[in-house]
Amino acid sequence: MTDDSLADAILRMLDRRGIPITEEHRARIRARTNLELLDMWLIATVVDQLADDAHPADRPEPGPTC
């Protein structure tokens, strides 16, 4: 995977989860070129989503979208 595709996957996952991300933060995520860091962030978003799916009653209400 490239840094662009990892950054896009992270942002899509955060959007899907209803987590508001400012344009500044989106730009900072897209500007990252460290594949190891981006991969770690992507894994963290997936693991968090799996935890939410396993315990939907504990899931917080999504915040406003950007």
PDB file of N, CA and C in Angstrom:
ATOM      1  N   MET A   1       0.842  -1.186   0.000  1.00  0.00           N
ATOM      2  CA  MET A   1       0.000   0.000   0.000  1.00  0.00           C
ATOM      3  C   MET A   1       0.878   1.237   0.000  1.00  0.00           C
ATOM      4  N   THR A   2       0.383   2.277  -0.597  1.00  0.00           N
ATOM      5  CA  THR A   2       1.117   3.542  -0.599  1.00  0.00           C
ATOM      6  C   THR A   2       0.664   4.408   0.570  1.00  0.00           C
ATOM      7  N   ASP A   3       1.439   5.445   0.848  1.00  0.00           N
ATOM      8  CA  ASP A   3       1.051   6.347   1.932  1.00  0.00           C
ATOM      9  C   ASP A   3      -0.291   7.010   1.628  1.00  0.00           C
ATOM     10  N   ASP A   4      -0.551   7.347   0.347  1.00  0.00           N
ATOM     11  CA  ASP A   4      -1.831   7.963  -0.011  1.00  0.00           C
ATOM     12  C   ASP A   4      -3.003   7.027   0.252  1.00  0.00           C
ATOM     13  N   SER A   5      -2.856   5.753  -0.120  1.00  0.00           N
ATOM     14  CA  SER A   5      -3.968   4.826   0.067  1.00  0.00           C
ATOM     15  C   SER A   5      -4.189   4.516   1.549  1.00  0.00           C
ATOM     16  N   LEU A   6      -3.115   4.446   2.327  1.00  0.00           N
ATOM     17  CA  LEU A   6      -3.278   4.241   3.771  1.00  0.00           C
ATOM     18  C   LEU A   6      -3.966   5.438   4.416  1.00  0.00           C
ATOM     19  N   ALA A   7      -3.550   6.635   4.052  1.00  0.00           N
ATOM     20  CA  ALA A   7      -4.175   7.845   4.596  1.00  0.00           C
ATOM     21  C   ALA A   7      -5.654   7.893   4.224  1.00  0.00           C
ATOM     22  N   ASP A   8      -5.968   7.572   2.978  1.00  0.00           N
ATOM     23  CA  ASP A   8      -7.379   7.558   2.547  1.00  0.00           C
ATOM     24  C   ASP A   8      -8.179   6.516   3.312  1.00  0.00           C
ATOM     25  N   ALA A   9      -7.603   5.345   3.556  1.00  0.00           N
ATOM     26  CA  ALA A   9      -8.295   4.294   4.301  1.00  0.00           C
ATOM     27  C   ALA A   9      -8.563   4.739   5.737  1.00  0.00           C
ATOM     28  N   ILE A  10      -7.596   5.396   6.353  1.00  0.00           N
ATOM     29  CA  ILE A  10      -7.777   5.904   7.722  1.00  0.00           C
ATOM     30  C   ILE A  10      -8.916   6.916   7.754  1.00  0.00           C
ATOM     31  N   LEU A  11      -8.901   7.845   6.826  1.00  0.00           N
ATOM     32  CA  LEU A  11      -9.938   8.879   6.798  1.00  0.00           C
ATOM     33  C   LEU A  11     -11.314   8.287   6.508  1.00  0.00           C
ATOM     34  N   ARG A  12     -11.385   7.305   5.619  1.00  0.00           N
ATOM     35  CA  ARG A  12     -12.677   6.652   5.335  1.00  0.00           C
ATOM     36  C   ARG A  12     -13.199   5.941   6.583  1.00  0.00           C
ATOM     37  N   MET A  13     -12.327   5.269   7.301  1.00  0.00           N
ATOM     38  CA  MET A  13     -12.746   4.561   8.506  1.00  0.00           C
ATOM     39  C   MET A  13     -13.244   5.552   9.565  1.00  0.00           C
ATOM     40  N   LEU A  14     -12.527   6.645   9.751  1.00  0.00           N
ATOM     41  CA  LEU A  14     -12.971   7.652  10.724  1.00  0.00           C
ATOM     42  C   LEU A  14     -14.309   8.253  10.305  1.00  0.00           C
ATOM     43  N   ASP A  15     -14.477   8.528   9.005  1.00  0.00           N
ATOM     44  CA  ASP A  15     -15.759   9.042   8.501  1.00  0.00           C
ATOM     45  C   ASP A  15     -16.878   8.036   8.754  1.00  0.00           C
ATOM     46  N   ARG A  16     -16.600   6.771   8.461  1.00  0.00           N
ATOM     47  CA  ARG A  16     -17.605   5.716   8.641  1.00  0.00           C
ATOM     48  C   ARG A  16     -18.049   5.621  10.096  1.00  0.00           C
ATOM     49  N   ARG A  17     -17.119   5.843  11.003  1.00  0.00           N
ATOM     50  CA  ARG A  17     -17.423   5.757  12.423  1.00  0.00           C
ATOM     51  C   ARG A  17     -18.073   7.029  12.953  1.00  0.00           C
ATOM     52  N   GLY A  18     -18.196   8.049  12.124  1.00  0.00           N
ATOM     53  CA  GLY A  18     -18.822   9.295  12.546  1.00  0.00           C
ATOM     54  C   GLY A  18     -17.925  10.166  13.404  1.00  0.00           C
ATOM     55  N   ILE A  19     -16.614   9.948  13.297  1.00  0.00           N
ATOM     56  CA  ILE A  19     -15.666  10.732  14.083  1.00  0.00           C
ATOM     57  C   ILE A  19     -15.319  12.001  13.301  1.00  0.00           C
ATOM     58  N   PRO A  20     -15.626  13.166  13.863  1.00  0.00           N
ATOM     59  CA  PRO A  20     -15.365  14.401  13.137  1.00  0.00           C
ATOM     60  C   PRO A  20     -13.865  14.677  13.016  1.00  0.00           C
ATOM     61  N   ILE A  21     -13.434  14.999  11.815  1.00  0.00           N
ATOM     62  CA  ILE A  21     -12.035  15.306  11.539  1.00  0.00           C
ATOM     63  C   ILE A  21     -12.003  16.650  10.815  1.00  0.00           C
ATOM     64  N   THR A  22     -11.244  17.582  11.354  1.00  0.00           N
ATOM     65  CA  THR A  22     -11.138  18.891  10.711  1.00  0.00           C
ATOM     66  C   THR A  22     -10.327  18.768   9.415  1.00  0.00           C
ATOM     67  N   GLU A  23     -10.476  19.731   8.556  1.00  0.00           N
ATOM     68  CA  GLU A  23      -9.689  19.742   7.313  1.00  0.00           C
ATOM     69  C   GLU A  23      -8.194  19.821   7.619  1.00  0.00           C
ATOM     70  N   GLU A  24      -7.841  20.528   8.695  1.00  0.00           N
ATOM     71  CA  GLU A  24      -6.433  20.602   9.094  1.00  0.00           C
ATOM     72  C   GLU A  24      -5.900  19.216   9.447  1.00  0.00           C
ATOM     73  N   HIS A  25      -6.677  18.452  10.217  1.00  0.00           N
ATOM     74  CA  HIS A  25      -6.255  17.101  10.578  1.00  0.00           C
ATOM     75  C   HIS A  25      -6.220  16.181   9.361  1.00  0.00           C
ATOM     76  N   ARG A  26      -7.190  16.336   8.461  1.00  0.00           N
ATOM     77  CA  ARG A  26      -7.181  15.536   7.231  1.00  0.00           C
ATOM     78  C   ARG A  26      -5.902  15.797   6.438  1.00  0.00           C
ATOM     79  N   ALA A  27      -5.541  17.059   6.335  1.00  0.00           N
ATOM     80  CA  ALA A  27      -4.329  17.424   5.593  1.00  0.00           C
ATOM     81  C   ALA A  27      -3.087  16.858   6.283  1.00  0.00           C
ATOM     82  N   ARG A  28      -3.068  16.888   7.606  1.00  0.00           N
ATOM     83  CA  ARG A  28      -1.914  16.348   8.341  1.00  0.00           C
ATOM     84  C   ARG A  28      -1.800  14.840   8.146  1.00  0.00           C
ATOM     85  N   ILE A  29      -2.925  14.139   8.148  1.00  0.00           N
ATOM     86  CA  ILE A  29      -2.896  12.689   7.917  1.00  0.00           C
ATOM     87  C   ILE A  29      -2.425  12.400   6.498  1.00  0.00           C
ATOM     88  N   ARG A  30      -2.946  13.150   5.525  1.00  0.00           N
ATOM     89  CA  ARG A  30      -2.555  12.935   4.123  1.00  0.00           C
ATOM     90  C   ARG A  30      -1.090  13.290   3.872  1.00  0.00           C
ATOM     91  N   ALA A  31      -0.528  14.192   4.670  1.00  0.00           N
ATOM     92  CA  ALA A  31       0.858  14.624   4.475  1.00  0.00           C
ATOM     93  C   ALA A  31       1.872  13.622   5.024  1.00  0.00           C
ATOM     94  N   ARG A  32       1.419  12.682   5.833  1.00  0.00           N
ATOM     95  CA  ARG A  32       2.340  11.705   6.421  1.00  0.00           C
ATOM     96  C   ARG A  32       2.856  10.762   5.336  1.00  0.00           C
ATOM     97  N   THR A  33       4.146  10.466   5.405  1.00  0.00           N
ATOM     98  CA  THR A  33       4.755   9.546   4.443  1.00  0.00           C
ATOM     99  C   THR A  33       5.358   8.326   5.130  1.00  0.00           C
ATOM    100  N   ASN A  34       5.294   8.273   6.446  1.00  0.00           N
ATOM    101  CA  ASN A  34       5.827   7.148   7.207  1.00  0.00           C
ATOM    102  C   ASN A  34       4.809   6.007   7.147  1.00  0.00           C
ATOM    103  N   LEU A  35       5.086   5.005   6.306  1.00  0.00           N
ATOM    104  CA  LEU A  35       4.143   3.902   6.112  1.00  0.00           C
ATOM    105  C   LEU A  35       3.898   3.123   7.399  1.00  0.00           C
ATOM    106  N   GLU A  36       4.937   2.983   8.228  1.00  0.00           N
ATOM    107  CA  GLU A  36       4.775   2.246   9.488  1.00  0.00           C
ATOM    108  C   GLU A  36       3.789   2.963  10.403  1.00  0.00           C
ATOM    109  N   LEU A  37       3.883   4.277  10.507  1.00  0.00           N
ATOM    110  CA  LEU A  37       2.963   5.056  11.334  1.00  0.00           C
ATOM    111  C   LEU A  37       1.545   4.994  10.773  1.00  0.00           C
ATOM    112  N   LEU A  38       1.405   5.189   9.470  1.00  0.00           N
ATOM    113  CA  LEU A  38       0.078   5.132   8.854  1.00  0.00           C
ATOM    114  C   LEU A  38      -0.548   3.753   9.030  1.00  0.00           C
ATOM    115  N   ASP A  39       0.242   2.709   8.877  1.00  0.00           N
ATOM    116  CA  ASP A  39      -0.259   1.353   9.060  1.00  0.00           C
ATOM    117  C   ASP A  39      -0.736   1.148  10.499  1.00  0.00           C
ATOM    118  N   MET A  40       0.018   1.656  11.460  1.00  0.00           N
ATOM    119  CA  MET A  40      -0.366   1.545  12.864  1.00  0.00           C
ATOM    120  C   MET A  40      -1.686   2.279  13.117  1.00  0.00           C
ATOM    121  N   TRP A  41      -1.844   3.471  12.545  1.00  0.00           N
ATOM    122  CA  TRP A  41      -3.094   4.219  12.706  1.00  0.00           C
ATOM    123  C   TRP A  41      -4.264   3.475  12.083  1.00  0.00           C
ATOM    124  N   LEU A  42      -4.051   2.893  10.898  1.00  0.00           N
ATOM    125  CA  LEU A  42      -5.131   2.152  10.240  1.00  0.00           C
ATOM    126  C   LEU A  42      -5.545   0.954  11.094  1.00  0.00           C
ATOM    127  N   ILE A  43      -4.583   0.224  11.603  1.00  0.00           N
ATOM    128  CA  ILE A  43      -4.896  -0.923  12.460  1.00  0.00           C
ATOM    129  C   ILE A  43      -5.667  -0.464  13.689  1.00  0.00           C
ATOM    130  N   ALA A  44      -5.274   0.655  14.277  1.00  0.00           N
ATOM    131  CA  ALA A  44      -5.972   1.176  15.460  1.00  0.00           C
ATOM    132  C   ALA A  44      -7.428   1.513  15.137  1.00  0.00           C
ATOM    133  N   THR A  45      -7.699   2.095  13.965  1.00  0.00           N
ATOM    134  CA  THR A  45      -9.083   2.430  13.614  1.00  0.00           C
ATOM    135  C   THR A  45      -9.908   1.168  13.401  1.00  0.00           C
ATOM    136  N   VAL A  46      -9.307   0.134  12.813  1.00  0.00           N
ATOM    137  CA  VAL A  46     -10.020  -1.126  12.586  1.00  0.00           C
ATOM    138  C   VAL A  46     -10.294  -1.829  13.913  1.00  0.00           C
ATOM    139  N   VAL A  47      -9.301  -1.895  14.781  1.00  0.00           N
ATOM    140  CA  VAL A  47      -9.483  -2.555  16.076  1.00  0.00           C
ATOM    141  C   VAL A  47     -10.562  -1.838  16.880  1.00  0.00           C
ATOM    142  N   ASP A  48     -10.543  -0.517  16.873  1.00  0.00           N
ATOM    143  CA  ASP A  48     -11.573   0.242  17.583  1.00  0.00           C
ATOM    144  C   ASP A  48     -12.950  -0.052  17.011  1.00  0.00           C
ATOM    145  N   GLN A  49     -13.052  -0.165  15.685  1.00  0.00           N
ATOM    146  CA  GLN A  49     -14.333  -0.471  15.047  1.00  0.00           C
ATOM    147  C   GLN A  49     -14.801  -1.865  15.447  1.00  0.00           C
ATOM    148  N   LEU A  50     -13.902  -2.833  15.470  1.00  0.00           N
ATOM    149  CA  LEU A  50     -14.267  -4.194  15.877  1.00  0.00           C
ATOM    150  C   LEU A  50     -14.767  -4.215  17.313  1.00  0.00           C
ATOM    151  N   ALA A  51     -14.123  -3.440  18.179  1.00  0.00           N
ATOM    152  CA  ALA A  51     -14.557  -3.369  19.576  1.00  0.00           C
ATOM    153  C   ALA A  51     -15.944  -2.749  19.664  1.00  0.00           C
ATOM    154  N   ASP A  52     -16.197  -1.702  18.884  1.00  0.00           N
ATOM    155  CA  ASP A  52     -17.523  -1.087  18.868  1.00  0.00           C
ATOM    156  C   ASP A  52     -18.573  -2.058  18.353  1.00  0.00           C
ATOM    157  N   ASP A  53     -18.237  -2.816  17.311  1.00  0.00           N
ATOM    158  CA  ASP A  53     -19.182  -3.775  16.743  1.00  0.00           C
ATOM    159  C   ASP A  53     -19.497  -4.895  17.730  1.00  0.00           C
ATOM    160  N   ALA A  54     -18.515  -5.272  18.537  1.00  0.00           N
ATOM    161  CA  ALA A  54     -18.716  -6.341  19.515  1.00  0.00           C
ATOM    162  C   ALA A  54     -19.579  -5.890  20.687  1.00  0.00           C
ATOM    163  N   HIS A  55     -19.559  -4.588  20.974  1.00  0.00           N
ATOM    164  CA  HIS A  55     -20.301  -4.039  22.109  1.00  0.00           C
ATOM    165  C   HIS A  55     -21.058  -2.784  21.677  1.00  0.00           C
ATOM    166  N   PRO A  56     -22.070  -2.931  20.809  1.00  0.00           N
ATOM    167  CA  PRO A  56     -22.752  -1.735  20.276  1.00  0.00           C
ATOM    168  C   PRO A  56     -23.450  -0.895  21.336  1.00  0.00           C
ATOM    169  N   ALA A  57     -23.867  -1.490  22.437  1.00  0.00           N
ATOM    170  CA  ALA A  57     -24.545  -0.707  23.478  1.00  0.00           C
ATOM    171  C   ALA A  57     -23.599   0.273  24.145  1.00  0.00           C
ATOM    172  N   ASP A  58     -22.300  -0.031  24.100  1.00  0.00           N
ATOM    173  CA  ASP A  58     -21.309   0.843  24.734  1.00  0.00           C
ATOM    174  C   ASP A  58     -20.799   1.934  23.791  1.00  0.00           C
ATOM    175  N   ARG A  59     -21.231   1.901  22.538  1.00  0.00           N
ATOM    176  CA  ARG A  59     -20.739   2.846  21.536  1.00  0.00           C
ATOM    177  C   ARG A  59     -21.297   4.241  21.798  1.00  0.00           C
ATOM    178  N   PRO A  60     -20.422   5.256  21.816  1.00  0.00           N
ATOM    179  CA  PRO A  60     -20.932   6.622  21.989  1.00  0.00           C
ATOM    180  C   PRO A  60     -21.656   7.081  20.733  1.00  0.00           C
ATOM    181  N   GLU A  61     -22.546   8.021  20.922  1.00  0.00           N
ATOM    182  CA  GLU A  61     -23.231   8.594  19.766  1.00  0.00           C
ATOM    183  C   GLU A  61     -22.231   9.324  18.886  1.00  0.00           C
ATOM    184  N   PRO A  62     -22.339   9.190  17.560  1.00  0.00           N
ATOM    185  CA  PRO A  62     -21.398   9.897  16.675  1.00  0.00           C
ATOM    186  C   PRO A  62     -21.536  11.405  16.841  1.00  0.00           C
ATOM    187  N   GLY A  63     -20.414  12.095  16.733  1.00  0.00           N
ATOM    188  CA  GLY A  63     -20.417  13.541  16.824  1.00  0.00           C
ATOM    189  C   GLY A  63     -20.792  14.151  15.481  1.00  0.00           C
ATOM    190  N   PRO A  64     -20.851  15.471  15.423  1.00  0.00           N
ATOM    191  CA  PRO A  64     -21.167  16.127  14.148  1.00  0.00           C
ATOM    192  C   PRO A  64     -20.031  15.885  13.150  1.00  0.00           C
ATOM    193  N   THR A  65     -20.402  15.790  11.887  1.00  0.00           N
ATOM    194  CA  THR A  65     -19.404  15.578  10.855  1.00  0.00           C
ATOM    195  C   THR A  65     -18.864  16.915  10.380  1.00  0.00           C
ATOM    196  N   CYS A  66     -17.676  16.869   9.817  1.00  0.00           N
ATOM    197  CA  CYS A  66     -17.037  18.102   9.324  1.00  0.00           C
ATOM    198  C   CYS A  66     -17.589  18.471   7.978  1.00  0.00           C
TER     199      CYS A  66
END
